Amino acid sequence: GRIDTWLKTTPTLGPTATLHAVADRIGVMAGWAAGLATTGTILAVVE
């Protein structure tokens, strides 16, 4: 029953954001989320 929570935010990109900026933002979020998995993770649940 031990719970830990995290929240990650990224800055909003404007309508003129480059593909590079969008790809970086996706990479930051994906890297953060996947990086939370450890050797103790027996199951990941994704919405």
All heavy atoms as atom14 arrays in JSON, in Angstrom:
{
  "sequence": "GRIDTWLKTTPTLGPTATLHAVADRIGVMAGWAAGLATTGTILAVVE",
  "atom14_mask": [
    [1, 1, 1, 1, 0, 0, 0, 0, 0, 0, 0, 0, 0, 0],
    [1, 1, 1, 1, 1, 1, 1, 1, 1, 1, 1, 0, 0, 0],
    [1, 1, 1, 1, 1, 1, 1, 1, 0, 0, 0, 0, 0, 0],
    [1, 1, 1, 1, 1, 1, 1, 1, 0, 0, 0, 0, 0, 0],
    [1, 1, 1, 1, 1, 1, 1, 0, 0, 0, 0, 0, 0, 0],
    [1, 1, 1, 1, 1, 1, 1, 1, 1, 1, 1, 1, 1, 1],
    [1, 1, 1, 1, 1, 1, 1, 1, 0, 0, 0, 0, 0, 0],
    [1, 1, 1, 1, 1, 1, 1, 1, 1, 0, 0, 0, 0, 0],
    [1, 1, 1, 1, 1, 1, 1, 0, 0, 0, 0, 0, 0, 0],
    [1, 1, 1, 1, 1, 1, 1, 0, 0, 0, 0, 0, 0, 0],
    [1, 1, 1, 1, 1, 1, 1, 0, 0, 0, 0, 0, 0, 0],
    [1, 1, 1, 1, 1, 1, 1, 0, 0, 0, 0, 0, 0, 0],
    [1, 1, 1, 1, 1, 1, 1, 1, 0, 0, 0, 0, 0, 0],
    [1, 1, 1, 1, 0, 0, 0, 0, 0, 0, 0, 0, 0, 0],
    [1, 1, 1, 1, 1, 1, 1, 0, 0, 0, 0, 0, 0, 0],
    [1, 1, 1, 1, 1, 1, 1, 0, 0, 0, 0, 0, 0, 0],
    [1, 1, 1, 1, 1, 0, 0, 0, 0, 0, 0, 0, 0, 0],
    [1, 1, 1, 1, 1, 1, 1, 0, 0, 0, 0, 0, 0, 0],
    [1, 1, 1, 1, 1, 1, 1, 1, 0, 0, 0, 0, 0, 0],
    [1, 1, 1, 1, 1, 1, 1, 1, 1, 1, 0, 0, 0, 0],
    [1, 1, 1, 1, 1, 0, 0, 0, 0, 0, 0, 0, 0, 0],
    [1, 1, 1, 1, 1, 1, 1, 0, 0, 0, 0, 0, 0, 0],
    [1, 1, 1, 1, 1, 0, 0, 0, 0, 0, 0, 0, 0, 0],
    [1, 1, 1, 1, 1, 1, 1, 1, 0, 0, 0, 0, 0, 0],
    [1, 1, 1, 1, 1, 1, 1, 1, 1, 1, 1, 0, 0, 0],
    [1, 1, 1, 1, 1, 1, 1, 1, 0, 0, 0, 0, 0, 0],
    [1, 1, 1, 1, 0, 0, 0, 0, 0, 0, 0, 0, 0, 0],
    [1, 1, 1, 1, 1, 1, 1, 0, 0, 0, 0, 0, 0, 0],
    [1, 1, 1, 1, 1, 1, 1, 1, 0, 0, 0, 0, 0, 0],
    [1, 1, 1, 1, 1, 0, 0, 0, 0, 0, 0, 0, 0, 0],
    [1, 1, 1, 1, 0, 0, 0, 0, 0, 0, 0, 0, 0, 0],
    [1, 1, 1, 1, 1, 1, 1, 1, 1, 1, 1, 1, 1, 1],
    [1, 1, 1, 1, 1, 0, 0, 0, 0, 0, 0, 0, 0, 0],
    [1, 1, 1, 1, 1, 0, 0, 0, 0, 0, 0, 0, 0, 0],
    [1, 1, 1, 1, 0, 0, 0, 0, 0, 0, 0, 0, 0, 0],
    [1, 1, 1, 1, 1, 1, 1, 1, 0, 0, 0, 0, 0, 0],
    [1, 1, 1, 1, 1, 0, 0, 0, 0, 0, 0, 0, 0, 0],
    [1, 1, 1, 1, 1, 1, 1, 0, 0, 0, 0, 0, 0, 0],
    [1, 1, 1, 1, 1, 1, 1, 0, 0, 0, 0, 0, 0, 0],
    [1, 1, 1, 1, 0, 0, 0, 0, 0, 0, 0, 0, 0, 0],
    [1, 1, 1, 1, 1, 1, 1, 0, 0, 0, 0, 0, 0, 0],
    [1, 1, 1, 1, 1, 1, 1, 1, 0, 0, 0, 0, 0, 0],
    [1, 1, 1, 1, 1, 1, 1, 1, 0, 0, 0, 0, 0, 0],
    [1, 1, 1, 1, 1, 0, 0, 0, 0, 0, 0, 0, 0, 0],
    [1, 1, 1, 1, 1, 1, 1, 0, 0, 0, 0, 0, 0, 0],
    [1, 1, 1, 1, 1, 1, 1, 0, 0, 0, 0, 0, 0, 0],
    [1, 1, 1, 1, 1, 1, 1, 1, 1, 0, 0, 0, 0, 0]
  ],
  "atom14_positions": [
    [[0.77, -1.24, 0.0], [0.0, 0.0, 0.0], [0.79, 1.28, 0.0], [0.22, 2.35, 0.25], [0.0, 0.0, 0.0], [0.0, 0.0, 0.0], [0.0, 0.0, 0.0], [0.0, 0.0, 0.0], [0.0, 0.0, 0.0], [0.0, 0.0, 0.0], [0.0, 0.0, 0.0], [0.0, 0.0, 0.0], [0.0, 0.0, 0.0], [0.0, 0.0, 0.0]],
    [[2.08, 1.23, -0.3], [2.86, 2.47, -0.37], [2.68, 3.12, -1.74], [2.88, 2.48, -2.77], [4.34, 2.22, -0.09], [5.08, 3.54, 0.18], [6.54, 3.37, 0.53], [7.27, 3.19, -0.72], [8.03, 2.15, -1.01], [8.16, 1.16, -0.15], [8.67, 2.07, -2.15], [0.0, 0.0, 0.0], [0.0, 0.0, 0.0], [0.0, 0.0, 0.0]],
    [[2.3, 4.39, -1.74], [2.06, 5.13, -2.97], [3.06, 6.27, -3.07], [3.33, 6.97, -2.11], [0.65, 5.76, -2.98], [-0.42, 4.7, -2.87], [0.44, 6.62, -4.22], [-1.8, 5.26, -2.65], [0.0, 0.0, 0.0], [0.0, 0.0, 0.0], [0.0, 0.0, 0.0], [0.0, 0.0, 0.0], [0.0, 0.0, 0.0], [0.0, 0.0, 0.0]],
    [[3.6, 6.45, -4.29], [4.38, 7.63, -4.62], [3.8, 8.2, -5.89], [3.36, 7.45, -6.78], [5.86, 7.26, -4.85], [6.56, 6.89, -3.57], [6.57, 7.7, -2.63], [7.1, 5.76, -3.51], [0.0, 0.0, 0.0], [0.0, 0.0, 0.0], [0.0, 0.0, 0.0], [0.0, 0.0, 0.0], [0.0, 0.0, 0.0], [0.0, 0.0, 0.0]],
    [[3.76, 9.53, -6.0], [3.24, 10.17, -7.21], [4.23, 11.21, -7.72], [5.04, 11.75, -6.95], [1.88, 10.85, -6.98], [2.04, 11.96, -6.1], [0.86, 9.88, -6.43], [0.0, 0.0, 0.0], [0.0, 0.0, 0.0], [0.0, 0.0, 0.0], [0.0, 0.0, 0.0], [0.0, 0.0, 0.0], [0.0, 0.0, 0.0], [0.0, 0.0, 0.0]],
    [[4.12, 11.48, -9.02], [4.94, 12.51, -9.67], [4.1, 13.25, -10.69], [3.18, 12.68, -11.28], [6.12, 11.87, -10.41], [7.06, 11.12, -9.55], [8.18, 11.59, -8.92], [6.98, 9.73, -9.21], [8.78, 10.58, -8.22], [8.07, 9.43, -8.38], [6.09, 8.71, -9.54], [8.31, 8.17, -7.87], [6.31, 7.44, -9.03], [7.41, 7.18, -8.2]],
    [[4.48, 14.49, -10.95], [3.87, 15.29, -11.99], [4.98, 15.92, -12.81], [5.93, 16.47, -12.25], [2.99, 16.39, -11.39], [2.3, 17.31, -12.4], [1.24, 16.55, -13.18], [1.67, 18.51, -11.67], [0.0, 0.0, 0.0], [0.0, 0.0, 0.0], [0.0, 0.0, 0.0], [0.0, 0.0, 0.0], [0.0, 0.0, 0.0], [0.0, 0.0, 0.0]],
    [[4.88, 15.82, -14.12], [5.86, 16.41, -15.03], [5.14, 17.4, -15.93], [4.08, 17.09, -16.47], [6.53, 15.31, -15.87], [7.47, 15.81, -16.94], [8.73, 16.37, -16.37], [9.72, 16.7, -17.47], [10.85, 17.45, -16.98], [0.0, 0.0, 0.0], [0.0, 0.0, 0.0], [0.0, 0.0, 0.0], [0.0, 0.0, 0.0], [0.0, 0.0, 0.0]],
    [[5.7, 18.59, -16.09], [5.14, 19.58, -16.99], [6.19, 20.01, -18.0], [7.39, 19.92, -17.73], [4.63, 20.82, -16.23], [5.73, 21.42, -15.54], [3.54, 20.46, -15.24], [0.0, 0.0, 0.0], [0.0, 0.0, 0.0], [0.0, 0.0, 0.0], [0.0, 0.0, 0.0], [0.0, 0.0, 0.0], [0.0, 0.0, 0.0], [0.0, 0.0, 0.0]],
    [[5.72, 20.46, -19.14], [6.61, 21.04, -20.15], [6.01, 22.35, -20.6], [4.78, 22.53, -20.56], [6.79, 20.12, -21.38], [5.53, 19.93, -22.0], [7.41, 18.78, -21.0], [0.0, 0.0, 0.0], [0.0, 0.0, 0.0], [0.0, 0.0, 0.0], [0.0, 0.0, 0.0], [0.0, 0.0, 0.0], [0.0, 0.0, 0.0], [0.0, 0.0, 0.0]],
    [[6.84, 23.28, -21.05], [6.3, 24.56, -21.54], [5.46, 24.36, -22.81], [5.76, 23.49, -23.62], [7.55, 25.39, -21.85], [8.71, 24.63, -21.32], [8.28, 23.23, -21.08], [0.0, 0.0, 0.0], [0.0, 0.0, 0.0], [0.0, 0.0, 0.0], [0.0, 0.0, 0.0], [0.0, 0.0, 0.0], [0.0, 0.0, 0.0], [0.0, 0.0, 0.0]],
    [[4.44, 25.16, -22.93], [3.6, 25.13, -24.13], [4.37, 25.7, -25.3], [5.07, 26.7, -25.17], [2.31, 25.94, -23.89], [1.64, 25.4, -22.76], [1.4, 25.89, -25.1], [0.0, 0.0, 0.0], [0.0, 0.0, 0.0], [0.0, 0.0, 0.0], [0.0, 0.0, 0.0], [0.0, 0.0, 0.0], [0.0, 0.0, 0.0], [0.0, 0.0, 0.0]],
    [[4.23, 25.05, -26.43], [4.86, 25.54, -27.66], [3.85, 26.37, -28.43], [2.67, 26.04, -28.48], [5.35, 24.37, -28.52], [6.39, 23.44, -27.9], [6.72, 22.32, -28.86], [7.64, 24.21, -27.52], [0.0, 0.0, 0.0], [0.0, 0.0, 0.0], [0.0, 0.0, 0.0], [0.0, 0.0, 0.0], [0.0, 0.0, 0.0], [0.0, 0.0, 0.0]],
    [[4.32, 27.41, -29.06], [3.44, 28.26, -29.86], [3.11, 27.63, -31.2], [3.65, 26.57, -31.57], [0.0, 0.0, 0.0], [0.0, 0.0, 0.0], [0.0, 0.0, 0.0], [0.0, 0.0, 0.0], [0.0, 0.0, 0.0], [0.0, 0.0, 0.0], [0.0, 0.0, 0.0], [0.0, 0.0, 0.0], [0.0, 0.0, 0.0], [0.0, 0.0, 0.0]],
    [[2.24, 28.29, -31.94], [1.8, 27.75, -33.23], [2.92, 27.71, -34.29], [2.78, 27.02, -35.29], [0.68, 28.71, -33.67], [0.88, 29.94, -32.87], [1.57, 29.54, -31.61], [0.0, 0.0, 0.0], [0.0, 0.0, 0.0], [0.0, 0.0, 0.0], [0.0, 0.0, 0.0], [0.0, 0.0, 0.0], [0.0, 0.0, 0.0], [0.0, 0.0, 0.0]],
    [[4.01, 28.4, -34.04], [5.12, 28.39, -35.0], [6.25, 27.47, -34.57], [7.36, 27.57, -35.09], [5.65, 29.83, -35.2], [6.12, 30.32, -33.93], [4.58, 30.74, -35.76], [0.0, 0.0, 0.0], [0.0, 0.0, 0.0], [0.0, 0.0, 0.0], [0.0, 0.0, 0.0], [0.0, 0.0, 0.0], [0.0, 0.0, 0.0], [0.0, 0.0, 0.0]],
    [[5.97, 26.57, -33.63], [7.01, 25.66, -33.14], [7.55, 24.81, -34.29], [6.81, 24.34, -35.14], [6.45, 24.77, -32.05], [0.0, 0.0, 0.0], [0.0, 0.0, 0.0], [0.0, 0.0, 0.0], [0.0, 0.0, 0.0], [0.0, 0.0, 0.0], [0.0, 0.0, 0.0], [0.0, 0.0, 0.0], [0.0, 0.0, 0.0], [0.0, 0.0, 0.0]],
    [[8.84, 24.6, -34.26], [9.48, 23.79, -35.29], [9.26, 22.31, -35.0], [8.94, 21.91, -33.87], [10.99, 24.06, -35.33], [11.55, 23.63, -34.08], [11.28, 25.54, -35.56], [0.0, 0.0, 0.0], [0.0, 0.0, 0.0], [0.0, 0.0, 0.0], [0.0, 0.0, 0.0], [0.0, 0.0, 0.0], [0.0, 0.0, 0.0], [0.0, 0.0, 0.0]],
    [[9.46, 21.49, -36.01], [9.39, 20.04, -35.81], [10.4, 19.59, -34.76], [10.12, 18.71, -33.95], [9.64, 19.3, -37.12], [8.48, 19.21, -38.09], [8.91, 18.5, -39.37], [7.31, 18.48, -37.46], [0.0, 0.0, 0.0], [0.0, 0.0, 0.0], [0.0, 0.0, 0.0], [0.0, 0.0, 0.0], [0.0, 0.0, 0.0], [0.0, 0.0, 0.0]],
    [[11.57, 20.22, -34.78], [12.61, 19.89, -33.82], [12.11, 20.15, -32.38], [12.3, 19.31, -31.5], [13.87, 20.7, -34.11], [15.03, 20.33, -33.25], [15.74, 19.16, -33.43], [15.59, 20.96, -32.19], [16.69, 19.09, -32.53], [16.62, 20.17, -31.75], [0.0, 0.0, 0.0], [0.0, 0.0, 0.0], [0.0, 0.0, 0.0], [0.0, 0.0, 0.0]],
    [[11.45, 21.29, -32.16], [10.95, 21.63, -30.83], [9.86, 20.64, -30.39], [9.84, 20.21, -29.24], [10.41, 23.06, -30.81], [0.0, 0.0, 0.0], [0.0, 0.0, 0.0], [0.0, 0.0, 0.0], [0.0, 0.0, 0.0], [0.0, 0.0, 0.0], [0.0, 0.0, 0.0], [0.0, 0.0, 0.0], [0.0, 0.0, 0.0], [0.0, 0.0, 0.0]],
    [[8.97, 20.28, -31.3], [7.9, 19.34, -30.98], [8.5, 17.97, -30.66], [8.13, 17.33, -29.68], [6.88, 19.24, -32.13], [5.88, 18.13, -31.88], [6.16, 20.58, -32.31], [0.0, 0.0, 0.0], [0.0, 0.0, 0.0], [0.0, 0.0, 0.0], [0.0, 0.0, 0.0], [0.0, 0.0, 0.0], [0.0, 0.0, 0.0], [0.0, 0.0, 0.0]],
    [[9.44, 17.53, -31.48], [10.08, 16.23, -31.26], [10.83, 16.22, -29.93], [10.8, 15.22, -29.21], [11.02, 15.9, -32.41], [0.0, 0.0, 0.0], [0.0, 0.0, 0.0], [0.0, 0.0, 0.0], [0.0, 0.0, 0.0], [0.0, 0.0, 0.0], [0.0, 0.0, 0.0], [0.0, 0.0, 0.0], [0.0, 0.0, 0.0], [0.0, 0.0, 0.0]],
    [[11.48, 17.32, -29.58], [12.18, 17.41, -28.29], [11.19, 17.31, -27.13], [11.46, 16.63, -26.14], [12.97, 18.71, -28.19], [14.28, 18.66, -28.94], [14.69, 17.57, -29.4], [14.91, 19.73, -29.09], [0.0, 0.0, 0.0], [0.0, 0.0, 0.0], [0.0, 0.0, 0.0], [0.0, 0.0, 0.0], [0.0, 0.0, 0.0], [0.0, 0.0, 0.0]],
    [[10.04, 17.98, -27.26], [9.04, 17.96, -26.2], [8.51, 16.53, -26.02], [8.36, 16.05, -24.89], [7.9, 18.91, -26.55], [6.9, 19.09, -25.45], [5.85, 20.1, -25.88], [5.0, 20.48, -24.77], [3.77, 20.94, -24.92], [3.26, 21.1, -26.12], [3.06, 21.26, -23.88], [0.0, 0.0, 0.0], [0.0, 0.0, 0.0], [0.0, 0.0, 0.0]],
    [[8.25, 15.85, -27.12], [7.8, 14.47, -27.05], [8.88, 13.61, -26.37], [8.58, 12.8, -25.5], [7.47, 13.93, -28.46], [6.2, 14.6, -28.98], [7.32, 12.4, -28.45], [5.92, 14.35, -30.46], [0.0, 0.0, 0.0], [0.0, 0.0, 0.0], [0.0, 0.0, 0.0], [0.0, 0.0, 0.0], [0.0, 0.0, 0.0], [0.0, 0.0, 0.0]],
    [[10.13, 13.82, -26.76], [11.24, 13.06, -26.18], [11.41, 13.3, -24.7], [11.7, 12.36, -23.94], [0.0, 0.0, 0.0], [0.0, 0.0, 0.0], [0.0, 0.0, 0.0], [0.0, 0.0, 0.0], [0.0, 0.0, 0.0], [0.0, 0.0, 0.0], [0.0, 0.0, 0.0], [0.0, 0.0, 0.0], [0.0, 0.0, 0.0], [0.0, 0.0, 0.0]],
    [[11.23, 14.53, -24.26], [11.36, 14.86, -22.84], [10.3, 14.11, -22.03], [10.59, 13.47, -21.02], [11.25, 16.38, -22.61], [11.0, 16.72, -21.14], [12.51, 17.08, -23.09], [0.0, 0.0, 0.0], [0.0, 0.0, 0.0], [0.0, 0.0, 0.0], [0.0, 0.0, 0.0], [0.0, 0.0, 0.0], [0.0, 0.0, 0.0], [0.0, 0.0, 0.0]],
    [[9.05, 14.18, -22.49], [7.97, 13.51, -21.75], [8.14, 11.99, -21.79], [7.97, 11.33, -20.77], [6.61, 13.89, -22.32], [6.09, 15.19, -21.78], [6.03, 15.2, -19.97], [4.64, 16.23, -19.71], [0.0, 0.0, 0.0], [0.0, 0.0, 0.0], [0.0, 0.0, 0.0], [0.0, 0.0, 0.0], [0.0, 0.0, 0.0], [0.0, 0.0, 0.0]],
    [[8.47, 11.45, -22.95], [8.62, 10.0, -23.06], [9.8, 9.51, -22.22], [9.7, 8.49, -21.54], [8.8, 9.59, -24.52], [0.0, 0.0, 0.0], [0.0, 0.0, 0.0], [0.0, 0.0, 0.0], [0.0, 0.0, 0.0], [0.0, 0.0, 0.0], [0.0, 0.0, 0.0], [0.0, 0.0, 0.0], [0.0, 0.0, 0.0], [0.0, 0.0, 0.0]],
    [[10.89, 10.24, -22.24], [12.06, 9.86, -21.46], [11.78, 9.89, -19.96], [12.19, 8.99, -19.22], [0.0, 0.0, 0.0], [0.0, 0.0, 0.0], [0.0, 0.0, 0.0], [0.0, 0.0, 0.0], [0.0, 0.0, 0.0], [0.0, 0.0, 0.0], [0.0, 0.0, 0.0], [0.0, 0.0, 0.0], [0.0, 0.0, 0.0], [0.0, 0.0, 0.0]],
    [[11.07, 10.93, -19.53], [10.72, 11.04, -18.11], [9.85, 9.86, -17.69], [10.14, 9.19, -16.7], [9.97, 12.35, -17.85], [9.37, 12.43, -16.48], [10.01, 12.73, -15.31], [8.0, 12.17, -16.14], [9.13, 12.67, -14.26], [7.89, 12.34, -14.74], [6.87, 11.82, -16.86], [6.68, 12.18, -14.06], [5.67, 11.66, -16.19], [5.58, 11.84, -14.8]],
    [[8.78, 9.61, -18.45], [7.83, 8.56, -18.08], [8.49, 7.18, -18.09], [8.36, 6.41, -17.13], [6.62, 8.58, -19.02], [0.0, 0.0, 0.0], [0.0, 0.0, 0.0], [0.0, 0.0, 0.0], [0.0, 0.0, 0.0], [0.0, 0.0, 0.0], [0.0, 0.0, 0.0], [0.0, 0.0, 0.0], [0.0, 0.0, 0.0], [0.0, 0.0, 0.0]],
    [[9.18, 6.85, -19.17], [9.82, 5.53, -19.26], [10.92, 5.39, -18.22], [11.18, 4.29, -17.72], [10.37, 5.31, -20.66], [0.0, 0.0, 0.0], [0.0, 0.0, 0.0], [0.0, 0.0, 0.0], [0.0, 0.0, 0.0], [0.0, 0.0, 0.0], [0.0, 0.0, 0.0], [0.0, 0.0, 0.0], [0.0, 0.0, 0.0], [0.0, 0.0, 0.0]],
    [[11.55, 6.51, -17.86], [12.61, 6.49, -16.86], [12.14, 6.18, -15.45], [12.95, 5.86, -14.57], [0.0, 0.0, 0.0], [0.0, 0.0, 0.0], [0.0, 0.0, 0.0], [0.0, 0.0, 0.0], [0.0, 0.0, 0.0], [0.0, 0.0, 0.0], [0.0, 0.0, 0.0], [0.0, 0.0, 0.0], [0.0, 0.0, 0.0], [0.0, 0.0, 0.0]],
    [[10.84, 6.23, -15.21], [10.31, 5.89, -13.89], [10.25, 4.38, -13.66], [10.12, 3.93, -12.54], [8.91, 6.5, -13.71], [8.87, 8.03, -13.63], [7.43, 8.51, -13.67], [9.57, 8.53, -12.38], [0.0, 0.0, 0.0], [0.0, 0.0, 0.0], [0.0, 0.0, 0.0], [0.0, 0.0, 0.0], [0.0, 0.0, 0.0], [0.0, 0.0, 0.0]],
    [[10.32, 3.62, -14.74], [10.32, 2.16, -14.61], [11.66, 1.71, -14.06], [12.71, 2.19, -14.48], [10.06, 1.51, -15.97], [0.0, 0.0, 0.0], [0.0, 0.0, 0.0], [0.0, 0.0, 0.0], [0.0, 0.0, 0.0], [0.0, 0.0, 0.0], [0.0, 0.0, 0.0], [0.0, 0.0, 0.0], [0.0, 0.0, 0.0], [0.0, 0.0, 0.0]],
    [[11.62, 0.81, -13.09], [12.84, 0.3, -12.47], [12.82, -1.23, -12.53], [11.85, -1.82, -13.01], [12.94, 0.73, -10.99], [11.91, 0.05, -10.25], [12.79, 2.24, -10.84], [0.0, 0.0, 0.0], [0.0, 0.0, 0.0], [0.0, 0.0, 0.0], [0.0, 0.0, 0.0], [0.0, 0.0, 0.0], [0.0, 0.0, 0.0], [0.0, 0.0, 0.0]],
    [[13.84, -1.82, -11.98], [13.87, -3.29, -11.93], [12.75, -3.84, -11.06], [12.4, -5.0, -11.17], [15.22, -3.82, -11.41], [15.47, -3.24, -10.13], [16.35, -3.48, -12.37], [0.0, 0.0, 0.0], [0.0, 0.0, 0.0], [0.0, 0.0, 0.0], [0.0, 0.0, 0.0], [0.0, 0.0, 0.0], [0.0, 0.0, 0.0], [0.0, 0.0, 0.0]],
    [[12.17, -3.0, -10.2], [11.06, -3.43, -9.35], [9.69, -3.3, -10.0], [8.69, -3.7, -9.41], [0.0, 0.0, 0.0], [0.0, 0.0, 0.0], [0.0, 0.0, 0.0], [0.0, 0.0, 0.0], [0.0, 0.0, 0.0], [0.0, 0.0, 0.0], [0.0, 0.0, 0.0], [0.0, 0.0, 0.0], [0.0, 0.0, 0.0], [0.0, 0.0, 0.0]],
    [[9.63, -2.73, -11.2], [8.34, -2.55, -11.87], [7.86, -3.89, -12.43], [8.45, -4.41, -13.37], [8.45, -1.51, -13.01], [8.98, -0.28, -12.49], [7.08, -1.26, -13.64], [0.0, 0.0, 0.0], [0.0, 0.0, 0.0], [0.0, 0.0, 0.0], [0.0, 0.0, 0.0], [0.0, 0.0, 0.0], [0.0, 0.0, 0.0], [0.0, 0.0, 0.0]],
    [[6.81, -4.44, -11.82], [6.29, -5.74, -12.28], [5.18, -5.58, -13.32], [4.86, -6.53, -14.03], [5.8, -6.6, -11.11], [4.62, -5.94, -10.39], [6.94, -6.91, -10.14], [3.89, -6.86, -9.44], [0.0, 0.0, 0.0], [0.0, 0.0, 0.0], [0.0, 0.0, 0.0], [0.0, 0.0, 0.0], [0.0, 0.0, 0.0], [0.0, 0.0, 0.0]],
    [[4.59, -4.39, -13.38], [3.52, -4.11, -14.32], [3.44, -2.61, -14.53], [3.5, -1.85, -13.56], [2.17, -4.63, -13.76], [0.91, -4.31, -14.56], [0.92, -5.02, -15.91], [-0.34, -4.7, -13.75], [0.0, 0.0, 0.0], [0.0, 0.0, 0.0], [0.0, 0.0, 0.0], [0.0, 0.0, 0.0], [0.0, 0.0, 0.0], [0.0, 0.0, 0.0]],
    [[3.31, -2.19, -15.78], [3.07, -0.79, -16.1], [1.65, -0.67, -16.61], [1.2, -1.5, -17.41], [4.06, -0.29, -17.14], [0.0, 0.0, 0.0], [0.0, 0.0, 0.0], [0.0, 0.0, 0.0], [0.0, 0.0, 0.0], [0.0, 0.0, 0.0], [0.0, 0.0, 0.0], [0.0, 0.0, 0.0], [0.0, 0.0, 0.0], [0.0, 0.0, 0.0]],
    [[0.95, 0.33, -16.13], [-0.42, 0.59, -16.57], [-0.41, 1.97, -17.22], [0.01, 2.95, -16.61], [-1.41, 0.57, -15.38], [-2.83, 0.75, -15.86], [-1.26, -0.7, -14.58], [0.0, 0.0, 0.0], [0.0, 0.0, 0.0], [0.0, 0.0, 0.0], [0.0, 0.0, 0.0], [0.0, 0.0, 0.0], [0.0, 0.0, 0.0], [0.0, 0.0, 0.0]],
    [[-0.87, 2.01, -18.46], [-0.86, 3.25, -19.22], [-2.29, 3.58, -19.61], [-3.02, 2.71, -20.08], [0.02, 3.1, -20.49], [0.08, 4.41, -21.26], [1.42, 2.64, -20.11], [0.0, 0.0, 0.0], [0.0, 0.0, 0.0], [0.0, 0.0, 0.0], [0.0, 0.0, 0.0], [0.0, 0.0, 0.0], [0.0, 0.0, 0.0], [0.0, 0.0, 0.0]],
    [[-2.67, 4.84, -19.4], [-4.0, 5.24, -19.83], [-4.04, 5.24, -21.35], [-3.17, 5.8, -22.0], [-4.35, 6.62, -19.29], [-5.8, 6.99, -19.55], [-6.21, 8.28, -18.89], [-5.64, 9.32, -19.25], [-7.1, 8.23, -18.01], [0.0, 0.0, 0.0], [0.0, 0.0, 0.0], [0.0, 0.0, 0.0], [0.0, 0.0, 0.0], [0.0, 0.0, 0.0]]
  ]
}
